[in-house]
Amino acid sequence: MDDEPTRGDQQQQPEYDTRDPEAPIVLHHVPSSSNSADAHHEYNRAQEYSAIAFNWMSRFLVFIWRDVIWNKAFWTFAATVVMAIAAALYTHYASRQLKAINDQLPELQKSAEAAKTSSEISELSQRPWIKIVDLTTIGNNSFIPSLSFQGFGHAPFPGGQKQAAFQTKISLKNVGNSPAFVTVDHELFFPAWKENFEDILRIEQKRFCEASNKRQTAGAVVRVVFPNEPQEWGGAGVQSIDPIVGANAINHTAEDPTGEYVLPAVIVCANYNSRGTKRYQTMALYIIVHKGTGNRFFKIGDGVPERELRIIRDDLADDAY
């Protein structure tokens, strides 16, 4: 083989040109003088508008700072508006709540009444009930008769305070279902003989028994009375005659206009409670008359024994709670 290079190989290859190619020539449009004037005019107008806007904004900020933020009247007005809005919202909310409550009120009332009725039924079935069974008197001797007067020159007590005494024996019974802690209070009362005689008795009974139930029981005689158990309470009602006390009165009759008479009545109040419960009361009213004649007038100073007396219960005056 022929070792000589070919002719083409012997030709020298041209070197690689690393220079940047020439940039093409670009022709620019040069604005005319009229277009340049329009642009300048638009620029000036933009500056004027900007100045106006900046001036307005500055004044607005000054107004906000001076006449709003530091203006007490404005904040007072704003607070008033806010409170009015809050009040309106609250009123609206409250009205809705009230409507909801009113819608539920019938059911709540029914539930409350049912619960109250159930509680009352339970209390009525379990509580004690003290019944005033009777009022009797004792004293058939002439020394201390049933109805006696002291301080009028008669034995056994001729001197001292002028007063009357009536010996009593009160019979009670617990007809309830719980033990009762009982105190008994009674009053010898001398009403005036008037057309409203019965009203005078009722008014005094109400006054005396209400006061009796409110008084403290410290030092009073308290007895425990068990269910279905009777109890007797002895004592004497004493009432001052001279001077006249409270609503008590001395009466005169057509037959004896110079004589002094009293019309005795006895008010009985039984106050009681069960352990840890509220206080209850039973009350009764009795009229004292002459046994033979039924006369209600008793001459002051003349004692009357038991055998000559009759005690009448006023059933219309009975009460218990």
C-alpha atoms as a PDB file:
ATOM      1  CA  MET A   1       0.000   0.000   0.000  1.00  0.00           C
ATOM      2  CA  ASP A   2       1.119   3.465  -0.742  1.00  0.00           C
ATOM      3  CA  ASP A   3       2.072   5.310   2.492  1.00  0.00           C
ATOM      4  CA  GLU A   4       1.676   8.874   1.122  1.00  0.00           C
ATOM      5  CA  PRO A   5      -1.295  10.798   2.234  1.00  0.00           C
ATOM      6  CA  THR A   6      -3.947  11.693  -0.127  1.00  0.00           C
ATOM      7  CA  ARG A   7      -4.007  15.024  -1.684  1.00  0.00           C
ATOM      8  CA  GLY A   8      -7.023  16.092   0.088  1.00  0.00           C
ATOM      9  CA  ASP A   9      -5.485  15.290   3.423  1.00  0.00           C
ATOM     10  CA  GLN A  10      -2.560  17.405   2.697  1.00  0.00           C
ATOM     11  CA  GLN A  11      -4.632  20.537   2.231  1.00  0.00           C
ATOM     12  CA  GLN A  12      -4.535  22.767   5.323  1.00  0.00           C
ATOM     13  CA  GLN A  13      -7.935  23.163   7.066  1.00  0.00           C
ATOM     14  CA  PRO A  14      -8.955  26.769   7.803  1.00  0.00           C
ATOM     15  CA  GLU A  15      -8.906  27.867  11.518  1.00  0.00           C
ATOM     16  CA  TYR A  16     -12.262  28.241  13.440  1.00  0.00           C
ATOM     17  CA  ASP A  17     -13.338  31.924  13.713  1.00  0.00           C
ATOM     18  CA  THR A  18     -14.218  32.691  17.371  1.00  0.00           C
ATOM     19  CA  ARG A  19     -15.222  36.337  16.847  1.00  0.00           C
ATOM     20  CA  ASP A  20     -18.822  37.481  17.416  1.00  0.00           C
ATOM     21  CA  PRO A  21     -20.859  37.913  14.335  1.00  0.00           C
ATOM     22  CA  GLU A  22     -21.693  41.411  13.397  1.00  0.00           C
ATOM     23  CA  ALA A  23     -24.999  42.701  14.846  1.00  0.00           C
ATOM     24  CA  PRO A  24     -27.670  43.608  12.350  1.00  0.00           C
ATOM     25  CA  ILE A  25     -28.464  47.193  11.934  1.00  0.00           C
ATOM     26  CA  VAL A  26     -31.892  48.182  13.303  1.00  0.00           C
ATOM     27  CA  LEU A  27     -33.487  51.357  12.191  1.00  0.00           C
ATOM     28  CA  HIS A  28     -35.326  53.350  14.979  1.00  0.00           C
ATOM     29  CA  HIS A  29     -38.257  55.622  14.394  1.00  0.00           C
ATOM     30  CA  VAL A  30     -37.562  59.087  15.661  1.00  0.00           C
ATOM     31  CA  PRO A  31     -40.806  60.732  16.948  1.00  0.00           C
ATOM     32  CA  SER A  32     -41.853  63.877  15.432  1.00  0.00           C
ATOM     33  CA  SER A  33     -41.923  67.131  17.397  1.00  0.00           C
ATOM     34  CA  SER A  34     -45.790  67.107  17.737  1.00  0.00           C
ATOM     35  CA  ASN A  35     -45.823  63.713  19.499  1.00  0.00           C
ATOM     36  CA  SER A  36     -43.189  64.902  21.973  1.00  0.00           C
ATOM     37  CA  ALA A  37     -45.314  67.910  22.900  1.00  0.00           C
ATOM     38  CA  ASP A  38     -48.374  65.727  23.563  1.00  0.00           C
ATOM     39  CA  ALA A  39     -46.372  63.460  25.863  1.00  0.00           C
ATOM     40  CA  HIS A  40     -45.056  66.414  27.806  1.00  0.00           C
ATOM     41  CA  HIS A  41     -48.585  67.763  28.154  1.00  0.00           C
ATOM     42  CA  GLU A  42     -49.879  64.432  29.485  1.00  0.00           C
ATOM     43  CA  TYR A  43     -47.038  64.324  31.979  1.00  0.00           C
ATOM     44  CA  ASN A  44     -47.881  67.777  33.272  1.00  0.00           C
ATOM     45  CA  ARG A  45     -51.542  66.881  33.645  1.00  0.00           C
ATOM     46  CA  ALA A  46     -50.618  63.739  35.602  1.00  0.00           C
ATOM     47  CA  GLN A  47     -48.506  65.825  37.953  1.00  0.00           C
ATOM     48  CA  GLU A  48     -51.376  68.285  38.466  1.00  0.00           C
ATOM     49  CA  TYR A  49     -53.818  65.481  39.284  1.00  0.00           C
ATOM     50  CA  SER A  50     -51.321  63.910  41.641  1.00  0.00           C
ATOM     51  CA  ALA A  51     -50.845  67.245  43.406  1.00  0.00           C
ATOM     52  CA  ILE A  52     -54.630  67.681  43.735  1.00  0.00           C
ATOM     53  CA  ALA A  53     -55.061  64.144  45.063  1.00  0.00           C
ATOM     54  CA  PHE A  54     -52.182  64.593  47.503  1.00  0.00           C
ATOM     55  CA  ASN A  55     -53.614  67.905  48.702  1.00  0.00           C
ATOM     56  CA  TRP A  56     -57.079  66.394  49.197  1.00  0.00           C
ATOM     57  CA  MET A  57     -55.642  63.375  51.013  1.00  0.00           C
ATOM     58  CA  SER A  58     -53.586  65.658  53.266  1.00  0.00           C
ATOM     59  CA  ARG A  59     -56.640  67.724  54.141  1.00  0.00           C
ATOM     60  CA  PHE A  60     -58.686  64.597  54.753  1.00  0.00           C
ATOM     61  CA  LEU A  61     -56.043  63.180  57.093  1.00  0.00           C
ATOM     62  CA  VAL A  62     -55.839  66.514  58.927  1.00  0.00           C
ATOM     63  CA  PHE A  63     -59.638  66.534  59.222  1.00  0.00           C
ATOM     64  CA  ILE A  64     -59.658  62.974  60.560  1.00  0.00           C
ATOM     65  CA  TRP A  65     -56.897  63.735  63.057  1.00  0.00           C
ATOM     66  CA  ARG A  66     -58.186  67.109  64.240  1.00  0.00           C
ATOM     67  CA  ASP A  67     -61.993  66.964  63.869  1.00  0.00           C
ATOM     68  CA  VAL A  68     -62.610  63.246  64.392  1.00  0.00           C
ATOM     69  CA  ILE A  69     -59.967  61.565  66.503  1.00  0.00           C
ATOM     70  CA  TRP A  70     -59.586  64.524  68.873  1.00  0.00           C
ATOM     71  CA  ASN A  71     -63.233  65.550  68.772  1.00  0.00           C
ATOM     72  CA  LYS A  72     -65.036  64.583  72.021  1.00  0.00           C
ATOM     73  CA  ALA A  73     -68.427  65.329  70.559  1.00  0.00           C
ATOM     74  CA  PHE A  74     -67.780  62.861  67.766  1.00  0.00           C
ATOM     75  CA  TRP A  75     -66.798  60.091  70.157  1.00  0.00           C
ATOM     76  CA  THR A  76     -69.782  60.886  72.336  1.00  0.00           C
ATOM     77  CA  PHE A  77     -72.008  60.621  69.295  1.00  0.00           C
ATOM     78  CA  ALA A  78     -70.244  57.437  68.184  1.00  0.00           C
ATOM     79  CA  ALA A  79     -70.590  55.899  71.639  1.00  0.00           C
ATOM     80  CA  THR A  80     -74.265  56.852  71.674  1.00  0.00           C
ATOM     81  CA  VAL A  81     -74.784  55.226  68.300  1.00  0.00           C
ATOM     82  CA  VAL A  82     -72.927  52.094  69.392  1.00  0.00           C
ATOM     83  CA  MET A  83     -74.948  51.886  72.601  1.00  0.00           C
ATOM     84  CA  ALA A  84     -78.167  52.432  70.682  1.00  0.00           C
ATOM     85  CA  ILE A  85     -77.263  49.633  68.291  1.00  0.00           C
ATOM     86  CA  ALA A  86     -76.273  47.391  71.215  1.00  0.00           C
ATOM     87  CA  ALA A  87     -79.525  48.207  73.003  1.00  0.00           C
ATOM     88  CA  ALA A  88     -81.510  47.447  69.874  1.00  0.00           C
ATOM     89  CA  LEU A  89     -79.707  44.144  69.433  1.00  0.00           C
ATOM     90  CA  TYR A  90     -80.194  43.271  73.094  1.00  0.00           C
ATOM     91  CA  THR A  91     -83.873  44.218  72.918  1.00  0.00           C
ATOM     92  CA  HIS A  92     -84.299  42.032  69.889  1.00  0.00           C
ATOM     93  CA  TYR A  93     -82.494  39.166  71.579  1.00  0.00           C
ATOM     94  CA  ALA A  94     -84.418  39.635  74.818  1.00  0.00           C
ATOM     95  CA  SER A  95     -87.720  39.734  72.971  1.00  0.00           C
ATOM     96  CA  ARG A  96     -86.869  36.474  71.275  1.00  0.00           C
ATOM     97  CA  GLN A  97     -85.888  34.954  74.609  1.00  0.00           C
ATOM     98  CA  LEU A  98     -89.084  36.255  76.188  1.00  0.00           C
ATOM     99  CA  LYS A  99     -91.141  34.799  73.394  1.00  0.00           C
ATOM    100  CA  ALA A 100     -89.396  31.463  73.830  1.00  0.00           C
ATOM    101  CA  ILE A 101     -90.052  31.572  77.579  1.00  0.00           C
ATOM    102  CA  ASN A 102     -93.685  32.567  77.049  1.00  0.00           C
ATOM    103  CA  ASP A 103     -94.086  29.686  74.631  1.00  0.00           C
ATOM    104  CA  GLN A 104     -92.736  27.332  77.287  1.00  0.00           C
ATOM    105  CA  LEU A 105     -94.540  29.003  80.202  1.00  0.00           C
ATOM    106  CA  PRO A 106     -97.736  26.911  80.054  1.00  0.00           C
ATOM    107  CA  GLU A 107     -95.727  23.700  80.229  1.00  0.00           C
ATOM    108  CA  LEU A 108     -93.517  25.072  83.004  1.00  0.00           C
ATOM    109  CA  GLN A 109     -96.574  26.170  84.953  1.00  0.00           C
ATOM    110  CA  LYS A 110     -98.131  22.763  84.564  1.00  0.00           C
ATOM    111  CA  SER A 111     -94.925  21.109  85.770  1.00  0.00           C
ATOM    112  CA  ALA A 112     -94.611  23.498  88.709  1.00  0.00           C
ATOM    113  CA  GLU A 113     -98.250  23.053  89.680  1.00  0.00           C
ATOM    114  CA  ALA A 114     -97.922  19.286  89.426  1.00  0.00           C
ATOM    115  CA  ALA A 115     -94.796  19.332  91.615  1.00  0.00           C
ATOM    116  CA  LYS A 116     -96.454  21.686  94.109  1.00  0.00           C
ATOM    117  CA  THR A 117     -99.594  19.586  94.209  1.00  0.00           C
ATOM    118  CA  SER A 118     -97.556  16.437  94.744  1.00  0.00           C
ATOM    119  CA  SER A 119     -95.564  18.095  97.532  1.00  0.00           C
ATOM    120  CA  GLU A 120     -98.707  19.436  99.190  1.00  0.00           C
ATOM    121  CA  ILE A 121    -100.415  16.060  99.003  1.00  0.00           C
ATOM    122  CA  SER A 122     -97.357  14.426 100.554  1.00  0.00           C
ATOM    123  CA  GLU A 123     -97.228  17.033 103.323  1.00  0.00           C
ATOM    124  CA  LEU A 124    -100.947  16.808 104.058  1.00  0.00           C
ATOM    125  CA  SER A 125    -100.781  13.037 104.285  1.00  0.00           C
ATOM    126  CA  GLN A 126     -97.695  12.954 106.528  1.00  0.00           C
ATOM    127  CA  ARG A 127     -98.051  16.027 108.770  1.00  0.00           C
ATOM    128  CA  PRO A 128     -99.661  16.114 112.220  1.00  0.00           C
ATOM    129  CA  TRP A 129    -103.140  17.585 112.659  1.00  0.00           C
ATOM    130  CA  ILE A 130    -104.155  18.840 116.100  1.00  0.00           C
ATOM    131  CA  LYS A 131    -107.883  18.924 116.727  1.00  0.00           C
ATOM    132  CA  ILE A 132    -109.402  21.007 119.533  1.00  0.00           C
ATOM    133  CA  VAL A 133    -111.938  18.509 120.795  1.00  0.00           C
ATOM    134  CA  ASP A 134    -113.566  20.415 123.635  1.00  0.00           C
ATOM    135  CA  LEU A 135    -113.331  23.145 126.262  1.00  0.00           C
ATOM    136  CA  THR A 136    -114.695  22.531 129.748  1.00  0.00           C
ATOM    137  CA  THR A 137    -114.424  24.329 133.073  1.00  0.00           C
ATOM    138  CA  ILE A 138    -113.946  23.323 136.697  1.00  0.00           C
ATOM    139  CA  GLY A 139    -114.731  24.967 140.015  1.00  0.00           C
ATOM    140  CA  ASN A 140    -117.971  24.246 141.855  1.00  0.00           C
ATOM    141  CA  ASN A 141    -116.938  25.558 145.258  1.00  0.00           C
ATOM    142  CA  SER A 142    -117.760  29.023 146.418  1.00  0.00           C
ATOM    143  CA  PHE A 143    -114.181  29.768 147.412  1.00  0.00           C
ATOM    144  CA  ILE A 144    -112.806  29.630 143.852  1.00  0.00           C
ATOM    145  CA  PRO A 145    -115.696  29.242 141.404  1.00  0.00           C
ATOM    146  CA  SER A 146    -115.273  28.589 137.728  1.00  0.00           C
ATOM    147  CA  LEU A 147    -115.711  32.261 136.819  1.00  0.00           C
ATOM    148  CA  SER A 148    -114.281  34.450 139.564  1.00  0.00           C
ATOM    149  CA  PHE A 149    -113.484  38.101 140.115  1.00  0.00           C
ATOM    150  CA  GLN A 150    -110.629  39.570 142.129  1.00  0.00           C
ATOM    151  CA  GLY A 151    -110.186  43.054 143.560  1.00  0.00           C
ATOM    152  CA  PHE A 152    -113.876  43.864 144.071  1.00  0.00           C
ATOM    153  CA  GLY A 153    -114.090  43.417 147.873  1.00  0.00           C
ATOM    154  CA  HIS A 154    -115.213  39.804 147.734  1.00  0.00           C
ATOM    155  CA  ALA A 155    -113.424  36.747 149.128  1.00  0.00           C
ATOM    156  CA  PRO A 156    -111.085  35.121 148.509  1.00  0.00           C
ATOM    157  CA  PHE A 157    -109.297  38.069 146.812  1.00  0.00           C
ATOM    158  CA  PRO A 158    -111.068  41.276 147.865  1.00  0.00           C
ATOM    159  CA  GLY A 159    -108.170  43.591 147.085  1.00  0.00           C
ATOM    160  CA  GLY A 160    -105.547  43.999 144.399  1.00  0.00           C
ATOM    161  CA  GLN A 161    -105.948  44.468 140.673  1.00  0.00           C
ATOM    162  CA  LYS A 162    -109.496  44.219 139.384  1.00  0.00           C
ATOM    163  CA  GLN A 163    -109.628  41.223 137.105  1.00  0.00           C
ATOM    164  CA  ALA A 164    -111.588  38.121 136.153  1.00  0.00           C
ATOM    165  CA  ALA A 165    -110.399  34.510 135.881  1.00  0.00           C
ATOM    166  CA  PHE A 166    -111.966  31.531 134.137  1.00  0.00           C
ATOM    167  CA  GLN A 167    -110.691  28.032 134.865  1.00  0.00           C
ATOM    168  CA  THR A 168    -110.385  25.908 131.729  1.00  0.00           C
ATOM    169  CA  LYS A 169    -109.580  22.376 130.631  1.00  0.00           C
ATOM    170  CA  ILE A 170    -108.805  22.060 126.897  1.00  0.00           C
ATOM    171  CA  SER A 171    -108.987  18.651 125.217  1.00  0.00           C
ATOM    172  CA  LEU A 172    -106.822  18.008 122.152  1.00  0.00           C
ATOM    173  CA  LYS A 173    -106.161  15.082 119.843  1.00  0.00           C
ATOM    174  CA  ASN A 174    -103.574  14.442 117.134  1.00  0.00           C
ATOM    175  CA  VAL A 175    -105.560  13.153 114.165  1.00  0.00           C
ATOM    176  CA  GLY A 176    -102.572  13.323 111.795  1.00  0.00           C
ATOM    177  CA  ASN A 177     -99.798  10.860 110.951  1.00  0.00           C
ATOM    178  CA  SER A 178     -96.775  12.440 112.657  1.00  0.00           C
ATOM    179  CA  PRO A 179     -95.929  13.403 116.243  1.00  0.00           C
ATOM    180  CA  ALA A 180     -96.651  17.028 117.087  1.00  0.00           C
ATOM    181  CA  PHE A 181     -94.851  19.411 119.429  1.00  0.00           C
ATOM    182  CA  VAL A 182     -97.758  21.400 120.843  1.00  0.00           C
ATOM    183  CA  THR A 183     -98.228  24.603 122.823  1.00  0.00           C
ATOM    184  CA  VAL A 184    -101.679  25.901 123.725  1.00  0.00           C
ATOM    185  CA  ASP A 185    -102.585  29.548 124.186  1.00  0.00           C
ATOM    186  CA  HIS A 186    -105.994  30.856 125.243  1.00  0.00           C
ATOM    187  CA  GLU A 187    -107.536  34.217 126.064  1.00  0.00           C
ATOM    188  CA  LEU A 188    -110.461  35.275 128.222  1.00  0.00           C
ATOM    189  CA  PHE A 189    -112.039  38.062 126.188  1.00  0.00           C
ATOM    190  CA  PHE A 190    -114.812  40.523 127.085  1.00  0.00           C
ATOM    191  CA  PRO A 191    -116.342  42.039 123.906  1.00  0.00           C
ATOM    192  CA  ALA A 192    -118.700  44.976 123.751  1.00  0.00           C
ATOM    193  CA  TRP A 193    -122.382  44.185 123.210  1.00  0.00           C
ATOM    194  CA  LYS A 194    -123.050  45.778 119.839  1.00  0.00           C
ATOM    195  CA  GLU A 195    -124.755  44.948 116.568  1.00  0.00           C
ATOM    196  CA  ASN A 196    -121.435  43.677 115.183  1.00  0.00           C
ATOM    197  CA  PHE A 197    -120.814  41.507 118.236  1.00  0.00           C
ATOM    198  CA  GLU A 198    -119.854  38.463 116.130  1.00  0.00           C
ATOM    199  CA  ASP A 199    -117.439  40.526 114.016  1.00  0.00           C
ATOM    200  CA  ILE A 200    -115.730  41.814 117.166  1.00  0.00           C
ATOM    201  CA  LEU A 201    -115.176  38.220 118.285  1.00  0.00           C
ATOM    202  CA  ARG A 202    -113.746  37.113 114.902  1.00  0.00           C
ATOM    203  CA  ILE A 203    -111.396  40.100 114.693  1.00  0.00           C
ATOM    204  CA  GLU A 204    -110.036  39.468 118.181  1.00  0.00           C
ATOM    205  CA  GLN A 205    -109.651  35.737 117.498  1.00  0.00           C
ATOM    206  CA  LYS A 206    -107.630  36.432 114.362  1.00  0.00           C
ATOM    207  CA  ARG A 207    -105.456  39.022 116.124  1.00  0.00           C
ATOM    208  CA  PHE A 208    -104.775  36.893 119.185  1.00  0.00           C
ATOM    209  CA  CYS A 209    -104.027  33.635 117.348  1.00  0.00           C
ATOM    210  CA  GLU A 210    -101.750  35.281 114.766  1.00  0.00           C
ATOM    211  CA  ALA A 211     -99.779  36.939 117.556  1.00  0.00           C
ATOM    212  CA  SER A 212     -99.710  33.669 119.496  1.00  0.00           C
ATOM    213  CA  ASN A 213     -98.216  31.710 116.597  1.00  0.00           C
ATOM    214  CA  LYS A 214     -95.513  34.314 116.012  1.00  0.00           C
ATOM    215  CA  ARG A 215     -94.364  34.469 119.619  1.00  0.00           C
ATOM    216  CA  GLN A 216     -91.176  32.669 120.641  1.00  0.00           C
ATOM    217  CA  THR A 217     -91.788  29.325 122.333  1.00  0.00           C
ATOM    218  CA  ALA A 218     -88.780  29.650 124.650  1.00  0.00           C
ATOM    219  CA  GLY A 219     -89.998  28.951 128.171  1.00  0.00           C
ATOM    220  CA  ALA A 220     -93.440  27.827 126.972  1.00  0.00           C
ATOM    221  CA  VAL A 221     -94.832  24.428 127.887  1.00  0.00           C
ATOM    222  CA  VAL A 222     -94.374  22.097 124.927  1.00  0.00           C
ATOM    223  CA  ARG A 223     -95.892  18.640 124.867  1.00  0.00           C
ATOM    224  CA  VAL A 224     -95.342  15.847 122.378  1.00  0.00           C
ATOM    225  CA  VAL A 225     -98.620  14.423 121.119  1.00  0.00           C
ATOM    226  CA  PHE A 226     -98.360  11.251 119.060  1.00  0.00           C
ATOM    227  CA  PRO A 227    -100.791  10.243 116.300  1.00  0.00           C
ATOM    228  CA  ASN A 228    -104.243   9.305 117.577  1.00  0.00           C
ATOM    229  CA  GLU A 229    -103.272  10.353 121.094  1.00  0.00           C
ATOM    230  CA  PRO A 230    -105.561  12.629 123.192  1.00  0.00           C
ATOM    231  CA  GLN A 231    -104.132  15.377 125.381  1.00  0.00           C
ATOM    232  CA  GLU A 232    -105.658  17.616 128.042  1.00  0.00           C
ATOM    233  CA  TRP A 233    -104.414  21.110 128.752  1.00  0.00           C
ATOM    234  CA  GLY A 234    -105.456  22.747 132.015  1.00  0.00           C
ATOM    235  CA  GLY A 235    -105.171  26.373 133.042  1.00  0.00           C
ATOM    236  CA  ALA A 236    -107.007  29.576 133.656  1.00  0.00           C
ATOM    237  CA  GLY A 237    -107.698  32.550 131.480  1.00  0.00           C
ATOM    238  CA  VAL A 238    -107.158  35.831 133.320  1.00  0.00           C
ATOM    239  CA  GLN A 239    -108.266  39.226 132.072  1.00  0.00           C
ATOM    240  CA  SER A 240    -107.846  42.667 133.609  1.00  0.00           C
ATOM    241  CA  ILE A 241    -111.011  44.670 134.086  1.00  0.00           C
ATOM    242  CA  ASP A 242    -109.751  47.887 135.637  1.00  0.00           C
ATOM    243  CA  PRO A 243    -108.242  49.470 133.695  1.00  0.00           C
ATOM    244  CA  ILE A 244    -109.781  48.026 130.515  1.00  0.00           C
ATOM    245  CA  VAL A 245    -107.118  46.373 128.343  1.00  0.00           C
ATOM    246  CA  GLY A 246    -107.238  46.322 124.549  1.00  0.00           C
ATOM    247  CA  ALA A 247    -110.631  45.640 123.020  1.00  0.00           C
ATOM    248  CA  ASN A 248    -112.208  44.427 126.286  1.00  0.00           C
ATOM    249  CA  ALA A 249    -115.286  46.303 127.400  1.00  0.00           C
ATOM    250  CA  ILE A 250    -117.655  46.770 130.344  1.00  0.00           C
ATOM    251  CA  ASN A 251    -121.336  46.679 129.387  1.00  0.00           C
ATOM    252  CA  HIS A 252    -124.561  47.965 130.950  1.00  0.00           C
ATOM    253  CA  THR A 253    -128.105  46.623 130.677  1.00  0.00           C
ATOM    254  CA  ALA A 254    -131.457  48.346 130.413  1.00  0.00           C
ATOM    255  CA  GLU A 255    -132.648  46.509 133.526  1.00  0.00           C
ATOM    256  CA  ASP A 256    -129.572  47.608 135.534  1.00  0.00           C
ATOM    257  CA  PRO A 257    -128.126  50.740 133.917  1.00  0.00           C
ATOM    258  CA  THR A 258    -125.770  51.385 136.834  1.00  0.00           C
ATOM    259  CA  GLY A 259    -124.483  47.822 137.021  1.00  0.00           C
ATOM    260  CA  GLU A 260    -121.322  46.689 135.232  1.00  0.00           C
ATOM    261  CA  TYR A 261    -121.363  43.481 133.204  1.00  0.00           C
ATOM    262  CA  VAL A 262    -118.993  41.464 131.013  1.00  0.00           C
ATOM    263  CA  LEU A 263    -119.732  38.987 128.231  1.00  0.00           C
ATOM    264  CA  PRO A 264    -117.017  36.313 128.574  1.00  0.00           C
ATOM    265  CA  ALA A 265    -115.665  34.422 125.573  1.00  0.00           C
ATOM    266  CA  VAL A 266    -112.660  32.102 125.380  1.00  0.00           C
ATOM    267  CA  ILE A 267    -110.336  31.989 122.349  1.00  0.00           C
ATOM    268  CA  VAL A 268    -108.160  28.865 122.018  1.00  0.00           C
ATOM    269  CA  CYS A 269    -105.100  28.551 119.760  1.00  0.00           C
ATOM    270  CA  ALA A 270    -103.139  25.296 119.458  1.00  0.00           C
ATOM    271  CA  ASN A 271     -99.725  25.971 117.904  1.00  0.00           C
ATOM    272  CA  TYR A 272     -97.652  22.991 116.823  1.00  0.00           C
ATOM    273  CA  ASN A 273     -95.098  21.581 114.430  1.00  0.00           C
ATOM    274  CA  SER A 274     -93.441  18.318 113.544  1.00  0.00           C
ATOM    275  CA  ARG A 275     -89.679  18.049 113.887  1.00  0.00           C
ATOM    276  CA  GLY A 276     -88.010  20.274 111.285  1.00  0.00           C
ATOM    277  CA  THR A 277     -91.267  21.464 109.672  1.00  0.00           C
ATOM    278  CA  LYS A 278     -93.173  24.722 109.585  1.00  0.00           C
ATOM    279  CA  ARG A 279     -95.574  25.749 112.315  1.00  0.00           C
ATOM    280  CA  TYR A 280     -99.267  24.946 112.126  1.00  0.00           C
ATOM    281  CA  GLN A 281    -102.252  26.193 114.081  1.00  0.00           C
ATOM    282  CA  THR A 282    -105.781  25.196 115.041  1.00  0.00           C
ATOM    283  CA  MET A 283    -108.149  27.723 116.586  1.00  0.00           C
ATOM    284  CA  ALA A 284    -111.567  27.672 118.241  1.00  0.00           C
ATOM    285  CA  LEU A 285    -113.953  30.133 119.893  1.00  0.00           C
ATOM    286  CA  TYR A 286    -116.283  29.521 122.843  1.00  0.00           C
ATOM    287  CA  ILE A 287    -119.079  31.686 124.310  1.00  0.00           C
ATOM    288  CA  ILE A 288    -119.906  31.501 128.036  1.00  0.00           C
ATOM    289  CA  VAL A 289    -123.593  31.858 129.072  1.00  0.00           C
ATOM    290  CA  HIS A 290    -125.759  31.238 132.149  1.00  0.00           C
ATOM    291  CA  LYS A 291    -126.883  27.616 132.048  1.00  0.00           C
ATOM    292  CA  GLY A 292    -130.452  28.201 133.101  1.00  0.00           C
ATOM    293  CA  THR A 293    -131.325  31.272 131.028  1.00  0.00           C
ATOM    294  CA  GLY A 294    -128.732  31.409 128.270  1.00  0.00           C
ATOM    295  CA  ASN A 295    -128.020  35.031 129.255  1.00  0.00           C
ATOM    296  CA  ARG A 296    -124.563  36.207 128.218  1.00  0.00           C
ATOM    297  CA  PHE A 297    -124.254  39.054 130.759  1.00  0.00           C
ATOM    298  CA  PHE A 298    -122.287  38.366 133.951  1.00  0.00           C
ATOM    299  CA  LYS A 299    -122.224  40.981 136.699  1.00  0.00           C
ATOM    300  CA  ILE A 300    -118.716  42.023 137.628  1.00  0.00           C
ATOM    301  CA  GLY A 301    -117.795  40.848 141.133  1.00  0.00           C
ATOM    302  CA  ASP A 302    -120.271  37.950 141.319  1.00  0.00           C
ATOM    303  CA  GLY A 303    -118.501  34.604 140.908  1.00  0.00           C
ATOM    304  CA  VAL A 304    -120.282  31.768 139.091  1.00  0.00           C
ATOM    305  CA  PRO A 305    -119.657  28.027 139.711  1.00  0.00           C
ATOM    306  CA  GLU A 306    -119.236  25.441 136.973  1.00  0.00           C
ATOM    307  CA  ARG A 307    -122.696  23.926 137.472  1.00  0.00           C
ATOM    308  CA  GLU A 308    -124.345  27.243 136.547  1.00  0.00           C
ATOM    309  CA  LEU A 309    -122.381  27.759 133.343  1.00  0.00           C
ATOM    310  CA  ARG A 310    -122.818  26.568 129.811  1.00  0.00           C
ATOM    311  CA  ILE A 311    -120.045  26.702 127.189  1.00  0.00           C
ATOM    312  CA  ILE A 312    -121.127  27.045 123.546  1.00  0.00           C
ATOM    313  CA  ARG A 313    -118.679  26.457 120.699  1.00  0.00           C
ATOM    314  CA  ASP A 314    -118.920  28.768 117.689  1.00  0.00           C
ATOM    315  CA  ASP A 315    -118.399  26.230 114.902  1.00  0.00           C
ATOM    316  CA  LEU A 316    -118.198  28.974 112.283  1.00  0.00           C
ATOM    317  CA  ALA A 317    -115.065  30.305 113.970  1.00  0.00           C
ATOM    318  CA  ASP A 318    -113.149  26.991 113.747  1.00  0.00           C
ATOM    319  CA  ASP A 319    -110.046  27.149 111.592  1.00  0.00           C
ATOM    320  CA  ALA A 320    -106.902  25.089 111.001  1.00  0.00           C
ATOM    321  CA  TYR A 321    -103.889  25.227 108.716  1.00  0.00           C
END
